[in-house]
Amino acid sequence: FDAAAARAALARDGVAVLSLDIRGAARPPAAGAREVTRFTRQLASLLQAGLPLAPSLEMLARTRTRDGLPRIAAGLAREIVGGQRFAAALARYPAQFGALYRQLIEVGEASGALGTVLTRVAEHRERTDAQWRKLRAALAYPVAVIVFALAISAALMVWVVPTFRQIFDGFGAALPAPTRALLALSSATSAWGGMLVAGAAIAGLAARHA
């Protein structure tokens, strides 16, 4: 925390600082890939319409969304008004704007075609997102079939195979290797089944939100 820098920034905005308290850092704004794509598309449209960069960001900062992009847009607008280049200002939010994104923005600034570059970036991100959606949709059915088959197999191992163990034990005869392997797998499934189900559920949730 730099108190002098904070006072200087407030002074540039015409705010007279009487006292300045140091508190814990605020939680950084969060925004997902789709929100960043929407932000990129909206900013590109505003710039293509002839609106300057800082007012465009200020306009986006006033939008009402549940993600952290209005806060990010407001911070970017302050940086631009303070004389910072857009690509450098984006570096303050590396979780939302990666190195490639910032490099493309830097090229757009240098060439005077920032609006066009933002449009191209938005189009690329939209195509990529659409491809991922199609891929997830295509994989949904076979994955569901596999999960269902595994669930049926696990149920057989936990509840059906153990009944055969009791029958085999009653015979008292030596069991063939495949049967012994099946019974061992049944015992392992019964012992670790809960953890396997929990792991599968966590993996499914992670894949859904990826």
Protein backbone atom coordinates (compact mmCIF):
# COMPACT_ATOMS: atom_id res chain seq x y z
CA PHE A 1 0.00 0.00 0.00
CA ASP A 2 1.44 3.40 -1.05
CA ALA A 3 -0.30 6.19 0.88
CA ALA A 4 1.44 8.90 -1.12
CA ALA A 5 0.31 7.40 -4.42
CA ALA A 6 -3.23 7.09 -3.11
CA ARG A 7 -3.28 10.73 -2.03
CA ALA A 8 -1.89 11.81 -5.41
CA ALA A 9 -4.50 9.77 -7.29
CA LEU A 10 -7.32 11.25 -5.22
CA ALA A 11 -5.90 14.74 -5.66
CA ARG A 12 -5.96 14.30 -9.45
CA ASP A 13 -9.66 13.53 -9.13
CA GLY A 14 -10.18 16.71 -7.12
CA VAL A 15 -10.65 14.92 -3.79
CA ALA A 16 -9.15 16.55 -0.70
CA VAL A 17 -7.81 13.85 1.63
CA LEU A 18 -8.23 14.66 5.33
CA SER A 19 -7.18 11.27 6.67
CA LEU A 20 -6.18 7.96 5.16
CA ASP A 21 -6.66 4.65 6.98
CA ILE A 22 -4.77 1.52 5.95
CA ARG A 23 -7.07 -1.49 5.80
CA GLY A 24 -6.92 -4.98 4.39
CA ALA A 25 -6.77 -5.38 0.66
CA ALA A 26 -10.11 -5.70 -1.10
CA ARG A 27 -10.91 -8.95 -2.81
CA PRO A 28 -9.76 -8.77 -6.44
CA PRO A 29 -12.60 -8.62 -8.97
CA ALA A 30 -13.47 -11.94 -10.56
CA ALA A 31 -14.73 -12.59 -14.07
CA GLY A 32 -14.85 -15.72 -16.18
CA ALA A 33 -13.82 -16.24 -19.78
CA ARG A 34 -17.33 -15.65 -21.15
CA GLU A 35 -17.64 -12.39 -19.23
CA VAL A 36 -14.28 -11.22 -20.58
CA THR A 37 -15.44 -12.10 -24.10
CA ARG A 38 -18.63 -10.08 -23.60
CA PHE A 39 -16.59 -7.17 -22.23
CA THR A 40 -14.27 -7.33 -25.25
CA ARG A 41 -17.18 -7.34 -27.69
CA GLN A 42 -18.92 -4.43 -25.96
CA LEU A 43 -15.75 -2.35 -25.77
CA ALA A 44 -15.01 -3.04 -29.44
CA SER A 45 -18.52 -1.90 -30.41
CA LEU A 46 -18.16 1.34 -28.46
CA LEU A 47 -14.76 2.11 -29.99
CA GLN A 48 -16.00 1.26 -33.48
CA ALA A 49 -18.87 3.69 -32.89
CA GLY A 50 -16.32 6.47 -32.35
CA LEU A 51 -16.36 6.72 -28.55
CA PRO A 52 -12.92 7.29 -26.95
CA LEU A 53 -11.39 4.55 -24.82
CA ALA A 54 -11.75 6.09 -21.35
CA PRO A 55 -15.44 7.07 -21.76
CA SER A 56 -16.13 3.62 -23.20
CA LEU A 57 -14.62 1.97 -20.14
CA GLU A 58 -16.51 4.32 -17.84
CA MET A 59 -19.74 3.38 -19.59
CA LEU A 60 -19.01 -0.33 -19.13
CA ALA A 61 -18.17 0.35 -15.49
CA ARG A 62 -21.75 1.52 -14.97
CA THR A 63 -23.30 -1.71 -16.25
CA ARG A 64 -25.06 -3.89 -13.69
CA THR A 65 -23.64 -7.41 -13.73
CA ARG A 66 -22.86 -9.93 -11.02
CA ASP A 67 -19.28 -10.44 -12.14
CA GLY A 68 -16.36 -8.17 -11.36
CA LEU A 69 -16.03 -6.61 -14.81
CA PRO A 70 -17.64 -3.26 -13.86
CA ARG A 71 -14.94 -2.88 -11.19
CA ILE A 72 -12.28 -3.91 -13.68
CA ALA A 73 -13.60 -1.44 -16.27
CA ALA A 74 -13.61 1.34 -13.67
CA GLY A 75 -10.02 0.55 -12.71
CA LEU A 76 -8.94 0.49 -16.34
CA ALA A 77 -10.66 3.83 -16.97
CA ARG A 78 -8.76 5.40 -14.07
CA GLU A 79 -5.48 4.07 -15.45
CA ILE A 80 -6.22 5.44 -18.93
CA VAL A 81 -7.21 8.86 -17.56
CA GLY A 82 -3.98 8.83 -15.56
CA GLY A 83 -1.93 8.43 -18.73
CA GLN A 84 -1.41 4.67 -18.72
CA ARG A 85 -1.51 2.70 -21.94
CA PHE A 86 -4.37 0.23 -22.24
CA ALA A 87 -2.16 -2.86 -22.58
CA ALA A 88 -0.21 -1.85 -19.48
CA ALA A 89 -3.42 -1.22 -17.55
CA LEU A 90 -4.70 -4.68 -18.48
CA ALA A 91 -1.60 -6.20 -16.89
CA ARG A 92 -3.12 -5.33 -13.50
CA TYR A 93 -5.69 -8.08 -14.14
CA PRO A 94 -3.66 -11.06 -15.41
CA ALA A 95 -6.33 -13.58 -14.38
CA GLN A 96 -8.76 -12.06 -16.89
CA PHE A 97 -6.39 -10.76 -19.58
CA GLY A 98 -3.55 -13.10 -20.42
CA ALA A 99 -0.25 -12.29 -22.09
CA LEU A 100 -1.51 -12.98 -25.63
CA TYR A 101 -4.58 -10.79 -25.08
CA ARG A 102 -2.38 -7.93 -23.86
CA GLN A 103 0.06 -8.33 -26.74
CA LEU A 104 -2.75 -8.07 -29.27
CA ILE A 105 -4.08 -4.97 -27.53
CA GLU A 106 -0.59 -3.46 -27.62
CA VAL A 107 -0.46 -4.07 -31.37
CA GLY A 108 -3.87 -2.44 -31.76
CA GLU A 109 -2.77 0.61 -29.79
CA ALA A 110 0.45 0.96 -31.77
CA SER A 111 -1.36 0.68 -35.11
CA GLY A 112 -4.26 2.93 -34.16
CA ALA A 113 -6.73 0.12 -34.82
CA LEU A 114 -7.67 -0.84 -31.28
CA GLY A 115 -11.36 -1.21 -32.08
CA THR A 116 -10.64 -3.53 -34.99
CA VAL A 117 -8.23 -5.65 -32.96
CA LEU A 118 -10.74 -5.93 -30.11
CA THR A 119 -13.37 -7.05 -32.61
CA ARG A 120 -11.04 -9.76 -33.93
CA VAL A 121 -10.19 -10.87 -30.39
CA ALA A 122 -13.88 -11.05 -29.48
CA GLU A 123 -14.68 -13.06 -32.61
CA HIS A 124 -11.85 -15.51 -31.90
CA ARG A 125 -12.95 -15.98 -28.29
CA GLU A 126 -16.58 -16.46 -29.36
CA ARG A 127 -15.59 -19.11 -31.91
CA THR A 128 -13.44 -20.90 -29.34
CA ASP A 129 -16.24 -20.86 -26.79
CA ALA A 130 -18.72 -22.19 -29.37
CA GLN A 131 -16.34 -25.03 -30.27
CA TRP A 132 -15.94 -25.97 -26.61
CA ARG A 133 -19.72 -25.96 -26.18
CA LYS A 134 -20.12 -28.30 -29.16
CA LEU A 135 -17.38 -30.58 -27.86
CA ARG A 136 -18.94 -30.78 -24.40
CA ALA A 137 -22.36 -31.47 -25.94
CA ALA A 138 -20.90 -34.21 -28.14
CA LEU A 139 -19.17 -35.85 -25.18
CA ALA A 140 -22.12 -35.57 -22.80
CA TYR A 141 -23.97 -38.69 -24.03
CA PRO A 142 -21.02 -41.14 -24.20
CA VAL A 143 -19.74 -39.91 -20.84
CA ALA A 144 -23.20 -40.41 -19.34
CA VAL A 145 -23.32 -43.96 -20.75
CA ILE A 146 -19.88 -44.75 -19.33
CA VAL A 147 -20.81 -43.35 -15.92
CA PHE A 148 -24.05 -45.35 -15.91
CA ALA A 149 -22.20 -48.54 -16.87
CA LEU A 150 -19.62 -47.96 -14.14
CA ALA A 151 -22.39 -47.34 -11.61
CA ILE A 152 -24.11 -50.61 -12.55
CA SER A 153 -20.79 -52.46 -12.36
CA ALA A 154 -20.05 -50.96 -8.95
CA ALA A 155 -23.51 -51.93 -7.70
CA LEU A 156 -22.95 -55.51 -8.84
CA MET A 157 -19.56 -55.59 -7.14
CA VAL A 158 -20.91 -54.21 -3.86
CA TRP A 159 -24.24 -56.02 -3.52
CA VAL A 160 -24.38 -59.02 -5.88
CA VAL A 161 -20.90 -60.54 -5.99
CA PRO A 162 -20.58 -60.77 -2.17
CA THR A 163 -23.59 -63.14 -2.13
CA PHE A 164 -21.67 -65.48 -4.42
CA ARG A 165 -18.71 -65.33 -2.04
CA GLN A 166 -20.86 -66.87 0.68
CA ILE A 167 -21.95 -69.62 -1.70
CA PHE A 168 -18.36 -70.35 -2.77
CA ASP A 169 -17.19 -70.38 0.84
CA GLY A 170 -19.85 -72.99 1.57
CA PHE A 171 -18.41 -75.29 -1.09
CA GLY A 172 -14.97 -75.20 0.52
CA ALA A 173 -13.33 -75.85 -2.84
CA ALA A 174 -10.41 -73.97 -4.35
CA LEU A 175 -11.63 -71.23 -6.66
CA PRO A 176 -10.15 -70.53 -10.09
CA ALA A 177 -7.98 -67.45 -10.51
CA PRO A 178 -10.58 -65.36 -12.43
CA THR A 179 -13.15 -65.96 -9.69
CA ARG A 180 -10.67 -65.03 -6.96
CA ALA A 181 -9.79 -61.84 -8.88
CA LEU A 182 -13.48 -60.95 -9.19
CA LEU A 183 -14.03 -61.45 -5.46
CA ALA A 184 -10.95 -59.36 -4.64
CA LEU A 185 -12.21 -56.59 -6.91
CA SER A 186 -15.58 -56.77 -5.17
CA SER A 187 -13.93 -56.38 -1.77
CA ALA A 188 -11.88 -53.41 -2.97
CA THR A 189 -14.96 -51.77 -4.46
CA SER A 190 -16.87 -52.22 -1.21
CA ALA A 191 -13.99 -50.73 0.79
CA TRP A 192 -13.22 -47.78 -1.49
CA GLY A 193 -16.57 -47.29 -3.21
CA GLY A 194 -17.46 -44.15 -1.24
CA MET A 195 -14.20 -42.45 -2.15
CA LEU A 196 -14.57 -43.45 -5.79
CA VAL A 197 -18.08 -42.01 -5.95
CA ALA A 198 -16.95 -38.78 -4.30
CA GLY A 199 -14.01 -38.50 -6.69
CA ALA A 200 -16.25 -39.08 -9.70
CA ALA A 201 -18.68 -36.43 -8.47
CA ILE A 202 -15.88 -33.91 -7.98
CA ALA A 203 -14.45 -34.70 -11.43
CA GLY A 204 -17.89 -34.27 -12.98
CA LEU A 205 -18.40 -30.88 -11.35
CA ALA A 206 -14.92 -29.76 -12.41
CA ALA A 207 -15.58 -30.83 -16.01
CA ARG A 208 -18.94 -29.06 -16.00
CA HIS A 209 -17.42 -25.76 -14.88
CA ALA A 210 -14.21 -26.00 -16.94
